[in-house]
Amino acid sequence: MSRVIVTIPDQLLNTLDQEAKKEARTRSEVVREAIRSYIEQKKEEAEFRARQAEAFRHMDEARKKTAGSDFSGSDFIIKWRNRLAADE
């Protein structure tokens, strides 16, 4: 396992040490978990942005297909919600 040197403000280090002590873990274990969590969060954010971009592409395609027609997305959603409410 590699070692790294990181500069951390004293107050943050004190908080880290307190949390590690509460959990009966080493400082290194807590830091490794924090890094894993950070990396996972960034991965999830990137996946969300990719899904969001795909959704926008689909919305743009739908807009192009319905351009010039009397189709209203808002009316469609209102009717759909009303049907759901009637089914309840």
C-alpha atoms as a PDB file:
ATOM      1  CA  MET A   1       0.000   0.000   0.000  1.00  0.00           C
ATOM      2  CA  SER A   2       1.349   3.451  -0.884  1.00  0.00           C
ATOM      3  CA  ARG A   3       1.757   6.353   1.486  1.00  0.00           C
ATOM      4  CA  VAL A   4       0.875   9.966   0.747  1.00  0.00           C
ATOM      5  CA  ILE A   5       1.545  13.207   2.504  1.00  0.00           C
ATOM      6  CA  VAL A   6      -1.431  15.542   2.696  1.00  0.00           C
ATOM      7  CA  THR A   7      -1.672  18.951   4.309  1.00  0.00           C
ATOM      8  CA  ILE A   8      -4.848  19.289   6.396  1.00  0.00           C
ATOM      9  CA  PRO A   9      -5.963  22.240   8.522  1.00  0.00           C
ATOM     10  CA  ASP A  10      -5.597  21.525  12.254  1.00  0.00           C
ATOM     11  CA  GLN A  11      -9.323  21.782  12.976  1.00  0.00           C
ATOM     12  CA  LEU A  12     -10.186  19.321  10.213  1.00  0.00           C
ATOM     13  CA  LEU A  13      -7.539  16.906  11.468  1.00  0.00           C
ATOM     14  CA  ASN A  14      -8.900  17.181  15.015  1.00  0.00           C
ATOM     15  CA  THR A  15     -12.412  16.435  13.736  1.00  0.00           C
ATOM     16  CA  LEU A  16     -11.085  13.486  11.736  1.00  0.00           C
ATOM     17  CA  ASP A  17      -9.325  12.094  14.787  1.00  0.00           C
ATOM     18  CA  GLN A  18     -12.445  12.488  16.931  1.00  0.00           C
ATOM     19  CA  GLU A  19     -14.579  10.644  14.382  1.00  0.00           C
ATOM     20  CA  ALA A  20     -12.001   7.878  14.017  1.00  0.00           C
ATOM     21  CA  LYS A  21     -11.826   7.471  17.794  1.00  0.00           C
ATOM     22  CA  LYS A  22     -15.657   7.300  18.072  1.00  0.00           C
ATOM     23  CA  GLU A  23     -15.688   4.490  15.516  1.00  0.00           C
ATOM     24  CA  ALA A  24     -12.601   2.740  16.918  1.00  0.00           C
ATOM     25  CA  ARG A  25     -10.896   3.078  13.544  1.00  0.00           C
ATOM     26  CA  THR A  26      -7.593   4.461  12.416  1.00  0.00           C
ATOM     27  CA  ARG A  27      -7.228   7.831  10.798  1.00  0.00           C
ATOM     28  CA  SER A  28      -6.095   6.081   7.617  1.00  0.00           C
ATOM     29  CA  GLU A  29      -9.219   3.915   7.498  1.00  0.00           C
ATOM     30  CA  VAL A  30     -11.467   6.948   7.755  1.00  0.00           C
ATOM     31  CA  VAL A  31      -9.500   8.840   5.100  1.00  0.00           C
ATOM     32  CA  ARG A  32      -9.591   5.833   2.732  1.00  0.00           C
ATOM     33  CA  GLU A  33     -13.360   5.558   3.207  1.00  0.00           C
ATOM     34  CA  ALA A  34     -13.775   9.281   2.542  1.00  0.00           C
ATOM     35  CA  ILE A  35     -11.750   9.019  -0.658  1.00  0.00           C
ATOM     36  CA  ARG A  36     -13.757   5.993  -1.839  1.00  0.00           C
ATOM     37  CA  SER A  37     -16.981   7.835  -1.084  1.00  0.00           C
ATOM     38  CA  TYR A  38     -15.790  10.917  -2.968  1.00  0.00           C
ATOM     39  CA  ILE A  39     -14.818   8.864  -6.024  1.00  0.00           C
ATOM     40  CA  GLU A  40     -18.149   6.988  -5.991  1.00  0.00           C
ATOM     41  CA  GLN A  41     -20.054  10.265  -5.709  1.00  0.00           C
ATOM     42  CA  LYS A  42     -18.197  11.708  -8.703  1.00  0.00           C
ATOM     43  CA  LYS A  43     -18.915   8.534 -10.689  1.00  0.00           C
ATOM     44  CA  GLU A  44     -22.628   8.739  -9.851  1.00  0.00           C
ATOM     45  CA  GLU A  45     -22.707  12.428 -10.796  1.00  0.00           C
ATOM     46  CA  ALA A  46     -21.102  11.652 -14.169  1.00  0.00           C
ATOM     47  CA  GLU A  47     -23.591   8.835 -14.797  1.00  0.00           C
ATOM     48  CA  PHE A  48     -26.474  11.156 -13.899  1.00  0.00           C
ATOM     49  CA  ARG A  49     -25.180  13.840 -16.281  1.00  0.00           C
ATOM     50  CA  ALA A  50     -24.917  11.233 -19.052  1.00  0.00           C
ATOM     51  CA  ARG A  51     -28.514  10.045 -18.439  1.00  0.00           C
ATOM     52  CA  GLN A  52     -29.658  13.663 -18.310  1.00  0.00           C
ATOM     53  CA  ALA A  53     -27.948  14.453 -21.621  1.00  0.00           C
ATOM     54  CA  GLU A  54     -29.588  11.388 -23.185  1.00  0.00           C
ATOM     55  CA  ALA A  55     -32.993  12.513 -21.902  1.00  0.00           C
ATOM     56  CA  PHE A  56     -32.434  15.971 -23.384  1.00  0.00           C
ATOM     57  CA  ARG A  57     -31.537  14.383 -26.727  1.00  0.00           C
ATOM     58  CA  HIS A  58     -34.786  12.398 -26.657  1.00  0.00           C
ATOM     59  CA  MET A  59     -36.751  15.515 -25.732  1.00  0.00           C
ATOM     60  CA  ASP A  60     -35.163  17.415 -28.609  1.00  0.00           C
ATOM     61  CA  GLU A  61     -36.008  14.592 -31.035  1.00  0.00           C
ATOM     62  CA  ALA A  62     -39.609  14.557 -29.813  1.00  0.00           C
ATOM     63  CA  ARG A  63     -39.813  18.340 -30.181  1.00  0.00           C
ATOM     64  CA  LYS A  64     -38.546  18.120 -33.752  1.00  0.00           C
ATOM     65  CA  LYS A  65     -41.024  15.335 -34.590  1.00  0.00           C
ATOM     66  CA  THR A  66     -43.979  17.319 -33.257  1.00  0.00           C
ATOM     67  CA  ALA A  67     -42.931  20.718 -34.633  1.00  0.00           C
ATOM     68  CA  GLY A  68     -45.736  22.262 -36.649  1.00  0.00           C
ATOM     69  CA  SER A  69     -48.381  19.918 -35.235  1.00  0.00           C
ATOM     70  CA  ASP A  70     -51.037  20.704 -32.664  1.00  0.00           C
ATOM     71  CA  PHE A  71     -49.412  18.333 -30.125  1.00  0.00           C
ATOM     72  CA  SER A  72     -48.974  19.872 -26.677  1.00  0.00           C
ATOM     73  CA  GLY A  73     -46.674  18.169 -24.208  1.00  0.00           C
ATOM     74  CA  SER A  74     -48.281  20.113 -21.373  1.00  0.00           C
ATOM     75  CA  ASP A  75     -51.768  18.977 -22.387  1.00  0.00           C
ATOM     76  CA  PHE A  76     -50.519  15.395 -22.646  1.00  0.00           C
ATOM     77  CA  ILE A  77     -49.091  15.510 -19.111  1.00  0.00           C
ATOM     78  CA  ILE A  78     -52.247  17.102 -17.679  1.00  0.00           C
ATOM     79  CA  LYS A  79     -54.403  14.399 -19.274  1.00  0.00           C
ATOM     80  CA  TRP A  80     -52.045  11.672 -18.050  1.00  0.00           C
ATOM     81  CA  ARG A  81     -52.116  13.044 -14.485  1.00  0.00           C
ATOM     82  CA  ASN A  82     -55.898  13.290 -14.576  1.00  0.00           C
ATOM     83  CA  ARG A  83     -56.138   9.649 -15.674  1.00  0.00           C
ATOM     84  CA  LEU A  84     -53.842   8.595 -12.839  1.00  0.00           C
ATOM     85  CA  ALA A  85     -55.905  10.573 -10.327  1.00  0.00           C
ATOM     86  CA  ALA A  86     -59.136   8.997 -11.632  1.00  0.00           C
ATOM     87  CA  ASP A  87     -57.644   5.507 -11.195  1.00  0.00           C
ATOM     88  CA  GLU A  88     -56.860   6.109  -7.508  1.00  0.00           C
END
